[in-house]
PDB file of N, CA and C in Angstrom:
ATOM      1  N   MET A   1     -13.233  -7.030   5.688  1.00  0.00           N
ATOM      2  CA  MET A   1     -12.811  -6.370   4.856  1.00  0.00           C
ATOM      3  C   MET A   1     -12.718  -5.002   4.499  1.00  0.00           C
ATOM      4  N   THR A   2     -12.393  -4.087   4.319  1.00  0.00           N
ATOM      5  CA  THR A   2     -12.420  -2.785   4.390  1.00  0.00           C
ATOM      6  C   THR A   2     -12.620  -2.771   2.660  1.00  0.00           C
ATOM      7  N   ASP A   3     -12.939  -1.251   2.205  1.00  0.00           N
ATOM      8  CA  ASP A   3     -13.320  -0.685   0.988  1.00  0.00           C
ATOM      9  C   ASP A   3     -11.889  -0.339   0.317  1.00  0.00           C
ATOM     10  N   GLU A   4     -10.842  -1.255   0.875  1.00  0.00           N
ATOM     11  CA  GLU A   4      -9.526  -0.146  -0.035  1.00  0.00           C
ATOM     12  C   GLU A   4      -8.801  -1.502  -0.576  1.00  0.00           C
ATOM     13  N   LEU A   5      -8.010  -1.061  -1.513  1.00  0.00           N
ATOM     14  CA  LEU A   5      -6.855  -2.146  -1.985  1.00  0.00           C
ATOM     15  C   LEU A   5      -5.873  -1.817  -1.870  1.00  0.00           C
ATOM     16  N   TYR A   6      -4.858  -2.700  -1.593  1.00  0.00           N
ATOM     17  CA  TYR A   6      -3.103  -2.344  -1.754  1.00  0.00           C
ATOM     18  C   TYR A   6      -2.784  -2.669  -2.722  1.00  0.00           C
ATOM     19  N   ILE A   7      -1.927  -2.126  -3.320  1.00  0.00           N
ATOM     20  CA  ILE A   7      -1.389  -2.350  -4.959  1.00  0.00           C
ATOM     21  C   ILE A   7       0.071  -2.113  -4.812  1.00  0.00           C
ATOM     22  N   VAL A   8       0.615  -2.990  -5.749  1.00  0.00           N
ATOM     23  CA  VAL A   8       2.369  -2.904  -5.446  1.00  0.00           C
ATOM     24  C   VAL A   8       2.495  -3.266  -6.828  1.00  0.00           C
ATOM     25  N   THR A   9       3.589  -2.708  -7.921  1.00  0.00           N
ATOM     26  CA  THR A   9       4.533  -3.127  -9.043  1.00  0.00           C
ATOM     27  C   THR A   9       5.709  -3.111  -8.644  1.00  0.00           C
ATOM     28  N   THR A  10       6.060  -3.099  -9.422  1.00  0.00           N
ATOM     29  CA  THR A  10       8.034  -2.130  -9.879  1.00  0.00           C
ATOM     30  C   THR A  10       7.991  -1.854 -11.314  1.00  0.00           C
ATOM     31  N   VAL A  11       9.270  -0.926 -11.157  1.00  0.00           N
ATOM     32  CA  VAL A  11       9.166  -0.256 -12.454  1.00  0.00           C
ATOM     33  C   VAL A  11      10.721   0.230 -12.167  1.00  0.00           C
ATOM     34  N   PRO A  12      11.202   0.443 -13.425  1.00  0.00           N
ATOM     35  CA  PRO A  12      12.685   0.871 -13.555  1.00  0.00           C
ATOM     36  C   PRO A  12      12.822   2.185 -13.081  1.00  0.00           C
ATOM     37  N   GLU A  13      13.413   2.803 -12.455  1.00  0.00           N
ATOM     38  CA  GLU A  13      14.036   4.148 -12.264  1.00  0.00           C
ATOM     39  C   GLU A  13      13.242   5.014 -13.224  1.00  0.00           C
ATOM     40  N   SER A  14      13.693   4.921 -14.330  1.00  0.00           N
ATOM     41  CA  SER A  14      13.530   5.575 -15.485  1.00  0.00           C
ATOM     42  C   SER A  14      11.778   6.378 -15.666  1.00  0.00           C
ATOM     43  N   HIS A  15      10.832   5.409 -14.852  1.00  0.00           N
ATOM     44  CA  HIS A  15       9.892   5.458 -15.176  1.00  0.00           C
ATOM     45  C   HIS A  15       8.753   5.966 -13.611  1.00  0.00           C
ATOM     46  N   VAL A  16       9.322   5.855 -12.505  1.00  0.00           N
ATOM     47  CA  VAL A  16       9.107   5.803 -11.206  1.00  0.00           C
ATOM     48  C   VAL A  16       8.123   7.004 -10.891  1.00  0.00           C
ATOM     49  N   SER A  17       8.555   8.225 -11.420  1.00  0.00           N
ATOM     50  CA  SER A  17       7.504   9.592 -11.172  1.00  0.00           C
ATOM     51  C   SER A  17       6.297   9.340 -12.367  1.00  0.00           C
ATOM     52  N   ALA A  18       6.251   8.697 -13.297  1.00  0.00           N
ATOM     53  CA  ALA A  18       5.611   8.814 -14.388  1.00  0.00           C
ATOM     54  C   ALA A  18       4.373   7.529 -14.106  1.00  0.00           C
ATOM     55  N   VAL A  19       4.482   6.517 -13.349  1.00  0.00           N
ATOM     56  CA  VAL A  19       3.905   5.627 -12.703  1.00  0.00           C
ATOM     57  C   VAL A  19       3.128   6.435 -11.741  1.00  0.00           C
ATOM     58  N   LEU A  20       4.253   7.070 -10.545  1.00  0.00           N
ATOM     59  CA  LEU A  20       3.213   7.658  -9.247  1.00  0.00           C
ATOM     60  C   LEU A  20       2.301   8.761  -9.422  1.00  0.00           C
ATOM     61  N   ASP A  21       2.325   9.327 -10.768  1.00  0.00           N
ATOM     62  CA  ASP A  21       1.642  10.261 -11.470  1.00  0.00           C
ATOM     63  C   ASP A  21       0.507   9.740 -11.882  1.00  0.00           C
ATOM     64  N   ALA A  22       0.491   8.800 -12.717  1.00  0.00           N
ATOM     65  CA  ALA A  22      -0.433   8.191 -13.142  1.00  0.00           C
ATOM     66  C   ALA A  22      -1.354   7.167 -12.413  1.00  0.00           C
ATOM     67  N   ILE A  23      -0.862   7.118 -11.081  1.00  0.00           N
ATOM     68  CA  ILE A  23      -1.782   6.272  -9.860  1.00  0.00           C
ATOM     69  C   ILE A  23      -2.359   7.085  -9.154  1.00  0.00           C
ATOM     70  N   ALA A  24      -1.794   8.719  -9.078  1.00  0.00           N
ATOM     71  CA  ALA A  24      -2.339   9.556  -8.260  1.00  0.00           C
ATOM     72  C   ALA A  24      -3.558  10.225  -9.068  1.00  0.00           C
ATOM     73  N   SER A  25      -3.469  10.286 -10.237  1.00  0.00           N
ATOM     74  CA  SER A  25      -4.497  11.268 -11.531  1.00  0.00           C
ATOM     75  C   SER A  25      -5.699  10.159 -11.617  1.00  0.00           C
ATOM     76  N   ALA A  26      -5.227   8.958 -11.261  1.00  0.00           N
ATOM     77  CA  ALA A  26      -6.768   7.655 -10.947  1.00  0.00           C
ATOM     78  C   ALA A  26      -7.175   7.545  -9.733  1.00  0.00           C
ATOM     79  N   GLY A  27      -6.690   8.512  -8.868  1.00  0.00           N
ATOM     80  CA  GLY A  27      -7.230   8.466  -7.762  1.00  0.00           C
ATOM     81  C   GLY A  27      -6.625   7.914  -6.083  1.00  0.00           C
ATOM     82  N   GLY A  28      -5.503   7.311  -6.929  1.00  0.00           N
ATOM     83  CA  GLY A  28      -5.049   6.313  -6.038  1.00  0.00           C
ATOM     84  C   GLY A  28      -4.016   7.139  -4.788  1.00  0.00           C
ATOM     85  N   GLY A  29      -3.445   6.068  -4.162  1.00  0.00           N
ATOM     86  CA  GLY A  29      -2.743   6.980  -3.251  1.00  0.00           C
ATOM     87  C   GLY A  29      -2.918   8.190  -2.302  1.00  0.00           C
ATOM     88  N   GLN A  30      -4.352   8.292  -2.006  1.00  0.00           N
ATOM     89  CA  GLN A  30      -4.911   9.534  -1.400  1.00  0.00           C
ATOM     90  C   GLN A  30      -5.046   8.959   0.411  1.00  0.00           C
ATOM     91  N   ILE A  31      -4.701  10.120   1.343  1.00  0.00           N
ATOM     92  CA  ILE A  31      -5.029   9.804   2.488  1.00  0.00           C
ATOM     93  C   ILE A  31      -5.765  11.353   2.824  1.00  0.00           C
ATOM     94  N   GLY A  32      -6.712  11.333   3.083  1.00  0.00           N
ATOM     95  CA  GLY A  32      -7.407  12.748   3.642  1.00  0.00           C
ATOM     96  C   GLY A  32      -7.030  13.858   2.736  1.00  0.00           C
ATOM     97  N   SER A  33      -6.061  14.728   2.817  1.00  0.00           N
ATOM     98  CA  SER A  33      -5.843  16.018   2.012  1.00  0.00           C
ATOM     99  C   SER A  33      -4.284  15.928   1.820  1.00  0.00           C
ATOM    100  N   TYR A  34      -4.057  14.549   1.834  1.00  0.00           N
ATOM    101  CA  TYR A  34      -2.460  14.078   1.018  1.00  0.00           C
ATOM    102  C   TYR A  34      -2.998  13.392  -0.380  1.00  0.00           C
ATOM    103  N   THR A  35      -2.309  13.637  -1.333  1.00  0.00           N
ATOM    104  CA  THR A  35      -2.205  12.800  -2.202  1.00  0.00           C
ATOM    105  C   THR A  35      -0.724  12.451  -2.991  1.00  0.00           C
ATOM    106  N   HIS A  36      -0.351  11.579  -3.980  1.00  0.00           N
ATOM    107  CA  HIS A  36       0.940  11.014  -4.168  1.00  0.00           C
ATOM    108  C   HIS A  36       1.506   9.910  -2.932  1.00  0.00           C
ATOM    109  N   CYS A  37       0.624   9.461  -2.095  1.00  0.00           N
ATOM    110  CA  CYS A  37       1.057   8.710  -1.076  1.00  0.00           C
ATOM    111  C   CYS A  37       1.413   7.588  -1.629  1.00  0.00           C
ATOM    112  N   ALA A  38       2.590   6.812  -1.000  1.00  0.00           N
ATOM    113  CA  ALA A  38       3.238   5.771  -1.693  1.00  0.00           C
ATOM    114  C   ALA A  38       4.676   5.739  -0.935  1.00  0.00           C
ATOM    115  N   PHE A  39       4.727   4.275  -0.857  1.00  0.00           N
ATOM    116  CA  PHE A  39       5.985   4.075  -0.428  1.00  0.00           C
ATOM    117  C   PHE A  39       6.884   3.196  -1.143  1.00  0.00           C
ATOM    118  N   THR A  40       8.290   3.424  -1.211  1.00  0.00           N
ATOM    119  CA  THR A  40       9.140   3.041  -2.265  1.00  0.00           C
ATOM    120  C   THR A  40      10.564   2.615  -1.889  1.00  0.00           C
ATOM    121  N   HIS A  41      11.053   1.537  -2.349  1.00  0.00           N
ATOM    122  CA  HIS A  41      12.304   1.091  -2.302  1.00  0.00           C
ATOM    123  C   HIS A  41      12.666   0.265  -3.397  1.00  0.00           C
ATOM    124  N   THR A  42      13.956   0.174  -3.543  1.00  0.00           N
ATOM    125  CA  THR A  42      14.955  -0.541  -4.240  1.00  0.00           C
ATOM    126  C   THR A  42      14.781  -1.984  -4.339  1.00  0.00           C
ATOM    127  N   GLY A  43      15.133  -2.528  -5.817  1.00  0.00           N
ATOM    128  CA  GLY A  43      15.612  -4.010  -5.697  1.00  0.00           C
ATOM    129  C   GLY A  43      15.714  -4.304  -6.796  1.00  0.00           C
ATOM    130  N   VAL A  44      15.823  -5.833  -7.281  1.00  0.00           N
ATOM    131  CA  VAL A  44      16.694  -6.321  -8.375  1.00  0.00           C
ATOM    132  C   VAL A  44      15.203  -7.043  -9.111  1.00  0.00           C
ATOM    133  N   GLY A  45      14.637  -6.800  -9.972  1.00  0.00           N
ATOM    134  CA  GLY A  45      14.026  -7.406 -10.911  1.00  0.00           C
ATOM    135  C   GLY A  45      15.050  -8.905 -11.981  1.00  0.00           C
ATOM    136  N   ARG A  46      14.757  -9.671 -11.649  1.00  0.00           N
ATOM    137  CA  ARG A  46      15.197 -10.804 -12.873  1.00  0.00           C
ATOM    138  C   ARG A  46      14.049 -11.382 -13.774  1.00  0.00           C
ATOM    139  N   PHE A  47      14.470 -11.487 -14.858  1.00  0.00           N
ATOM    140  CA  PHE A  47      13.668 -12.076 -15.990  1.00  0.00           C
ATOM    141  C   PHE A  47      14.399 -12.935 -17.227  1.00  0.00           C
ATOM    142  N   LYS A  48      13.557 -13.874 -18.124  1.00  0.00           N
ATOM    143  CA  LYS A  48      14.072 -14.316 -19.427  1.00  0.00           C
ATOM    144  C   LYS A  48      13.385 -14.037 -20.406  1.00  0.00           C
ATOM    145  N   PRO A  49      13.003 -13.156 -21.248  1.00  0.00           N
ATOM    146  CA  PRO A  49      12.189 -12.901 -22.197  1.00  0.00           C
ATOM    147  C   PRO A  49      12.070 -13.927 -23.003  1.00  0.00           C
ATOM    148  N   ALA A  50      10.798 -14.533 -23.541  1.00  0.00           N
ATOM    149  CA  ALA A  50      10.432 -16.090 -24.659  1.00  0.00           C
ATOM    150  C   ALA A  50      10.894 -15.232 -25.938  1.00  0.00           C
ATOM    151  N   GLY A  51      10.751 -16.054 -26.591  1.00  0.00           N
ATOM    152  CA  GLY A  51      10.806 -16.123 -28.258  1.00  0.00           C
ATOM    153  C   GLY A  51       9.893 -14.849 -28.880  1.00  0.00           C
ATOM    154  N   ASP A  52       8.962 -14.991 -28.350  1.00  0.00           N
ATOM    155  CA  ASP A  52       8.242 -13.808 -28.997  1.00  0.00           C
ATOM    156  C   ASP A  52       7.704 -12.698 -28.292  1.00  0.00           C
ATOM    157  N   ALA A  53       8.526 -12.301 -27.043  1.00  0.00           N
ATOM    158  CA  ALA A  53       8.361 -11.093 -26.515  1.00  0.00           C
ATOM    159  C   ALA A  53       9.285  -9.995 -27.017  1.00  0.00           C
ATOM    160  N   HIS A  54       8.931  -8.671 -26.326  1.00  0.00           N
ATOM    161  CA  HIS A  54       9.146  -7.747 -27.203  1.00  0.00           C
ATOM    162  C   HIS A  54       9.760  -6.550 -25.666  1.00  0.00           C
ATOM    163  N   PRO A  55      10.933  -7.283 -25.217  1.00  0.00           N
ATOM    164  CA  PRO A  55      11.270  -6.285 -24.171  1.00  0.00           C
ATOM    165  C   PRO A  55      11.634  -4.956 -23.856  1.00  0.00           C
ATOM    166  N   HIS A  56      11.165  -4.250 -22.992  1.00  0.00           N
ATOM    167  CA  HIS A  56      11.499  -2.764 -22.834  1.00  0.00           C
ATOM    168  C   HIS A  56      13.274  -2.689 -22.710  1.00  0.00           C
ATOM    169  N   ILE A  57      13.770  -3.589 -21.645  1.00  0.00           N
ATOM    170  CA  ILE A  57      15.138  -3.627 -21.409  1.00  0.00           C
ATOM    171  C   ILE A  57      15.592  -5.627 -21.302  1.00  0.00           C
ATOM    172  N   GLY A  58      16.847  -5.360 -22.157  1.00  0.00           N
ATOM    173  CA  GLY A  58      17.082  -6.541 -21.834  1.00  0.00           C
ATOM    174  C   GLY A  58      16.843  -6.808 -23.450  1.00  0.00           C
ATOM    175  N   ALA A  59      17.032  -8.606 -23.670  1.00  0.00           N
ATOM    176  CA  ALA A  59      17.378  -9.269 -24.896  1.00  0.00           C
ATOM    177  C   ALA A  59      16.460 -10.420 -25.051  1.00  0.00           C
ATOM    178  N   VAL A  60      15.807 -10.919 -25.800  1.00  0.00           N
ATOM    179  CA  VAL A  60      15.314 -12.238 -26.147  1.00  0.00           C
ATOM    180  C   VAL A  60      16.151 -13.525 -25.857  1.00  0.00           C
ATOM    181  N   GLY A  61      15.931 -14.570 -24.932  1.00  0.00           N
ATOM    182  CA  GLY A  61      16.440 -15.630 -24.549  1.00  0.00           C
ATOM    183  C   GLY A  61      17.499 -15.047 -23.493  1.00  0.00           C
ATOM    184  N   GLU A  62      17.687 -14.126 -23.476  1.00  0.00           N
ATOM    185  CA  GLU A  62      18.994 -13.653 -22.328  1.00  0.00           C
ATOM    186  C   GLU A  62      18.125 -13.384 -20.829  1.00  0.00           C
ATOM    187  N   ILE A  63      18.850 -13.853 -19.574  1.00  0.00           N
ATOM    188  CA  ILE A  63      18.532 -13.771 -18.480  1.00  0.00           C
ATOM    189  C   ILE A  63      19.240 -12.206 -18.222  1.00  0.00           C
ATOM    190  N   ASN A  64      17.961 -11.295 -17.501  1.00  0.00           N
ATOM    191  CA  ASN A  64      18.152 -10.130 -17.399  1.00  0.00           C
ATOM    192  C   ASN A  64      18.061  -9.845 -16.079  1.00  0.00           C
ATOM    193  N   ALA A  65      18.888  -9.093 -15.242  1.00  0.00           N
ATOM    194  CA  ALA A  65      18.847  -8.534 -13.552  1.00  0.00           C
ATOM    195  C   ALA A  65      18.914  -6.703 -14.257  1.00  0.00           C
ATOM    196  N   VAL A  66      17.796  -6.357 -13.202  1.00  0.00           N
ATOM    197  CA  VAL A  66      17.542  -5.088 -13.972  1.00  0.00           C
ATOM    198  C   VAL A  66      16.948  -4.247 -12.521  1.00  0.00           C
ATOM    199  N   ASP A  67      17.752  -3.158 -12.057  1.00  0.00           N
ATOM    200  CA  ASP A  67      17.400  -2.441 -10.849  1.00  0.00           C
ATOM    201  C   ASP A  67      16.098  -1.420 -10.869  1.00  0.00           C
ATOM    202  N   GLU A  68      15.212  -1.814  -9.976  1.00  0.00           N
ATOM    203  CA  GLU A  68      13.733  -1.446 -10.242  1.00  0.00           C
ATOM    204  C   GLU A  68      13.383  -0.917  -8.847  1.00  0.00           C
ATOM    205  N   TRP A  69      12.329  -0.045  -9.045  1.00  0.00           N
ATOM    206  CA  TRP A  69      11.296   0.233  -7.852  1.00  0.00           C
ATOM    207  C   TRP A  69      10.539  -0.302  -7.641  1.00  0.00           C
ATOM    208  N   ARG A  70      10.101  -0.787  -6.250  1.00  0.00           N
ATOM    209  CA  ARG A  70       8.731  -1.215  -5.826  1.00  0.00           C
ATOM    210  C   ARG A  70       7.840  -0.124  -5.442  1.00  0.00           C
ATOM    211  N   ILE A  71       6.678   0.116  -5.912  1.00  0.00           N
ATOM    212  CA  ILE A  71       5.891   1.139  -5.609  1.00  0.00           C
ATOM    213  C   ILE A  71       4.713   0.513  -4.692  1.00  0.00           C
ATOM    214  N   GLU A  72       4.300   0.604  -3.517  1.00  0.00           N
ATOM    215  CA  GLU A  72       3.265   0.558  -2.709  1.00  0.00           C
ATOM    216  C   GLU A  72       2.853   1.426  -2.388  1.00  0.00           C
ATOM    217  N   THR A  73       1.587   1.328  -2.889  1.00  0.00           N
ATOM    218  CA  THR A  73       0.215   2.171  -2.335  1.00  0.00           C
ATOM    219  C   THR A  73      -1.068   1.568  -2.325  1.00  0.00           C
ATOM    220  N   PHE A  74      -2.250   2.315  -2.256  1.00  0.00           N
ATOM    221  CA  PHE A  74      -3.220   2.018  -2.127  1.00  0.00           C
ATOM    222  C   PHE A  74      -4.540   2.591  -2.705  1.00  0.00           C
ATOM    223  N   CYS A  75      -6.001   2.096  -2.899  1.00  0.00           N
ATOM    224  CA  CYS A  75      -6.839   3.010  -3.372  1.00  0.00           C
ATOM    225  C   CYS A  75      -8.222   2.753  -2.738  1.00  0.00           C
ATOM    226  N   ALA A  76      -9.130   2.893  -3.118  1.00  0.00           N
ATOM    227  CA  ALA A  76     -11.090   2.910  -2.789  1.00  0.00           C
ATOM    228  C   ALA A  76     -11.014   1.742  -3.899  1.00  0.00           C
ATOM    229  N   ARG A  77     -11.693   0.637  -3.573  1.00  0.00           N
ATOM    230  CA  ARG A  77     -12.157  -0.377  -4.378  1.00  0.00           C
ATOM    231  C   ARG A  77     -12.779  -0.190  -5.880  1.00  0.00           C
ATOM    232  N   SER A  78     -13.749   1.042  -5.322  1.00  0.00           N
ATOM    233  CA  SER A  78     -14.272   1.537  -6.480  1.00  0.00           C
ATOM    234  C   SER A  78     -13.412   2.217  -7.413  1.00  0.00           C
ATOM    235  N   GLN A  79     -11.960   2.068  -7.103  1.00  0.00           N
ATOM    236  CA  GLN A  79     -11.295   2.552  -8.087  1.00  0.00           C
ATOM    237  C   GLN A  79     -10.195   2.154  -8.637  1.00  0.00           C
ATOM    238  N   GLY A  80      -9.769   1.184  -8.529  1.00  0.00           N
ATOM    239  CA  GLY A  80      -8.715  -0.359  -8.617  1.00  0.00           C
ATOM    240  C   GLY A  80      -8.656  -0.272  -9.965  1.00  0.00           C
ATOM    241  N   ARG A  81      -9.714  -0.785 -11.166  1.00  0.00           N
ATOM    242  CA  ARG A  81      -9.766  -0.804 -11.763  1.00  0.00           C
ATOM    243  C   ARG A  81      -9.209   0.313 -12.822  1.00  0.00           C
ATOM    244  N   ALA A  82      -9.509   1.803 -12.360  1.00  0.00           N
ATOM    245  CA  ALA A  82      -8.760   3.148 -13.045  1.00  0.00           C
ATOM    246  C   ALA A  82      -7.545   2.895 -12.570  1.00  0.00           C
ATOM    247  N   VAL A  83      -6.820   2.367 -11.305  1.00  0.00           N
ATOM    248  CA  VAL A  83      -5.539   2.616 -10.741  1.00  0.00           C
ATOM    249  C   VAL A  83      -4.821   1.625 -11.776  1.00  0.00           C
ATOM    250  N   VAL A  84      -5.110   0.060 -11.675  1.00  0.00           N
ATOM    251  CA  VAL A  84      -4.498  -0.843 -12.549  1.00  0.00           C
ATOM    252  C   VAL A  84      -4.195  -0.080 -14.240  1.00  0.00           C
ATOM    253  N   ASP A  85      -5.292   0.094 -14.643  1.00  0.00           N
ATOM    254  CA  ASP A  85      -5.418   0.655 -15.836  1.00  0.00           C
ATOM    255  C   ASP A  85      -4.374   1.864 -16.173  1.00  0.00           C
ATOM    256  N   ALA A  86      -4.142   2.845 -15.152  1.00  0.00           N
ATOM    257  CA  ALA A  86      -3.231   3.722 -14.921  1.00  0.00           C
ATOM    258  C   ALA A  86      -1.823   3.413 -15.320  1.00  0.00           C
ATOM    259  N   ILE A  87      -1.405   2.288 -13.778  1.00  0.00           N
ATOM    260  CA  ILE A  87      -0.234   1.384 -14.034  1.00  0.00           C
ATOM    261  C   ILE A  87       0.135   1.422 -15.714  1.00  0.00           C
ATOM    262  N   ARG A  88      -0.343   0.458 -16.081  1.00  0.00           N
ATOM    263  CA  ARG A  88      -0.370  -0.164 -17.443  1.00  0.00           C
ATOM    264  C   ARG A  88      -0.037   0.904 -18.425  1.00  0.00           C
ATOM    265  N   ALA A  89      -0.907   1.557 -18.507  1.00  0.00           N
ATOM    266  CA  ALA A  89      -0.502   2.932 -19.327  1.00  0.00           C
ATOM    267  C   ALA A  89       0.723   3.498 -19.583  1.00  0.00           C
ATOM    268  N   ALA A  90       1.139   3.435 -18.110  1.00  0.00           N
ATOM    269  CA  ALA A  90       2.354   4.417 -17.568  1.00  0.00           C
ATOM    270  C   ALA A  90       3.642   3.438 -17.888  1.00  0.00           C
ATOM    271  N   HIS A  91       3.419   2.587 -17.475  1.00  0.00           N
ATOM    272  CA  HIS A  91       4.419   1.285 -17.244  1.00  0.00           C
ATOM    273  C   HIS A  91       5.158   1.449 -19.026  1.00  0.00           C
ATOM    274  N   PRO A  92       6.622   0.831 -18.558  1.00  0.00           N
ATOM    275  CA  PRO A  92       7.137   0.460 -19.792  1.00  0.00           C
ATOM    276  C   PRO A  92       7.553  -0.857 -20.144  1.00  0.00           C
ATOM    277  N   TYR A  93       7.062  -2.159 -19.365  1.00  0.00           N
ATOM    278  CA  TYR A  93       7.064  -2.915 -19.954  1.00  0.00           C
ATOM    279  C   TYR A  93       5.564  -3.352 -20.205  1.00  0.00           C
ATOM    280  N   GLU A  94       6.178  -4.620 -21.190  1.00  0.00           N
ATOM    281  CA  GLU A  94       4.792  -5.504 -21.936  1.00  0.00           C
ATOM    282  C   GLU A  94       4.016  -5.775 -21.142  1.00  0.00           C
ATOM    283  N   GLN A  95       4.328  -6.237 -19.707  1.00  0.00           N
ATOM    284  CA  GLN A  95       3.381  -7.277 -18.993  1.00  0.00           C
ATOM    285  C   GLN A  95       3.804  -6.989 -17.763  1.00  0.00           C
ATOM    286  N   PRO A  96       3.482  -5.813 -16.915  1.00  0.00           N
ATOM    287  CA  PRO A  96       4.008  -5.327 -15.783  1.00  0.00           C
ATOM    288  C   PRO A  96       3.429  -6.462 -14.711  1.00  0.00           C
ATOM    289  N   VAL A  97       4.258  -6.486 -13.548  1.00  0.00           N
ATOM    290  CA  VAL A  97       3.617  -7.464 -12.476  1.00  0.00           C
ATOM    291  C   VAL A  97       2.816  -6.147 -11.831  1.00  0.00           C
ATOM    292  N   ILE A  98       1.409  -6.852 -11.415  1.00  0.00           N
ATOM    293  CA  ILE A  98       0.530  -5.445 -10.718  1.00  0.00           C
ATOM    294  C   ILE A  98      -0.152  -6.035  -9.688  1.00  0.00           C
ATOM    295  N   TYR A  99       0.029  -6.232  -8.116  1.00  0.00           N
ATOM    296  CA  TYR A  99      -0.478  -7.133  -6.819  1.00  0.00           C
ATOM    297  C   TYR A  99      -1.399  -6.029  -6.859  1.00  0.00           C
ATOM    298  N   VAL A 100      -2.746  -7.083  -6.705  1.00  0.00           N
ATOM    299  CA  VAL A 100      -4.318  -5.849  -6.055  1.00  0.00           C
ATOM    300  C   VAL A 100      -4.399  -7.056  -4.916  1.00  0.00           C
ATOM    301  N   ILE A 101      -4.268  -6.079  -3.570  1.00  0.00           N
ATOM    302  CA  ILE A 101      -4.578  -7.215  -2.142  1.00  0.00           C
ATOM    303  C   ILE A 101      -5.864  -6.488  -1.734  1.00  0.00           C
ATOM    304  N   PRO A 102      -6.630  -7.221  -1.496  1.00  0.00           N
ATOM    305  CA  PRO A 102      -7.947  -6.459  -0.686  1.00  0.00           C
ATOM    306  C   PRO A 102      -7.427  -6.303   0.801  1.00  0.00           C
ATOM    307  N   LEU A 103      -8.035  -5.127   1.422  1.00  0.00           N
ATOM    308  CA  LEU A 103      -7.197  -4.923   2.658  1.00  0.00           C
ATOM    309  C   LEU A 103      -8.415  -5.499   4.228  1.00  0.00           C
ATOM    310  N   LEU A 104      -7.738  -5.925   5.271  1.00  0.00           N
ATOM    311  CA  LEU A 104      -8.948  -6.559   6.187  1.00  0.00           C
ATOM    312  C   LEU A 104      -8.741  -5.260   7.125  1.00  0.00           C
ATOM    313  N   ASP A 105      -9.691  -4.971   8.057  1.00  0.00           N
ATOM    314  CA  ASP A 105      -9.646  -4.216   8.988  1.00  0.00           C
ATOM    315  C   ASP A 105      -9.345  -4.468  10.320  1.00  0.00           C
ATOM    316  N   PRO A 106      -8.374  -3.786  10.340  1.00  0.00           N
ATOM    317  CA  PRO A 106      -7.207  -4.478  12.012  1.00  0.00           C
ATOM    318  C   PRO A 106      -8.039  -5.068  12.648  1.00  0.00           C
ATOM    319  N   ASP A 107      -9.437  -3.860  13.337  1.00  0.00           N
ATOM    320  CA  ASP A 107      -9.868  -4.018  14.479  1.00  0.00           C
ATOM    321  C   ASP A 107     -11.122  -5.131  14.261  1.00  0.00           C
ATOM    322  N   MET A 108     -11.215  -5.816  12.994  1.00  0.00           N
ATOM    323  CA  MET A 108     -12.375  -6.893  12.771  1.00  0.00           C
ATOM    324  C   MET A 108     -11.606  -8.112  12.911  1.00  0.00           C
ATOM    325  N   LEU A 109     -10.232  -8.340  13.343  1.00  0.00           N
ATOM    326  CA  LEU A 109      -9.594  -9.334  13.716  1.00  0.00           C
ATOM    327  C   LEU A 109      -9.715 -10.120  14.898  1.00  0.00           C
TER     328      LEU A 109
END
């Protein structure tokens, strides 16, 4: 195991910059003298809000397909909580999907 976490989330295009800035402000995406390091690519998010949901996009009871950007970045384990909290604060969705994956040191395999 390393001391780093790999963090992945998806976000509508309208909020990509805000989420990337929030991640960087919380200490994520830093490699040496470089900040805001991330890999992004597009895809389609699909969901159907249930009766008590308050969707940012789409309508309750309808299946929705939304163009989204996947953001992949990393942070030190000690900054993990701050980065996740920053993503949640900047993200427009009620319940954003956020994957937090501990990284292995390739030399230890």
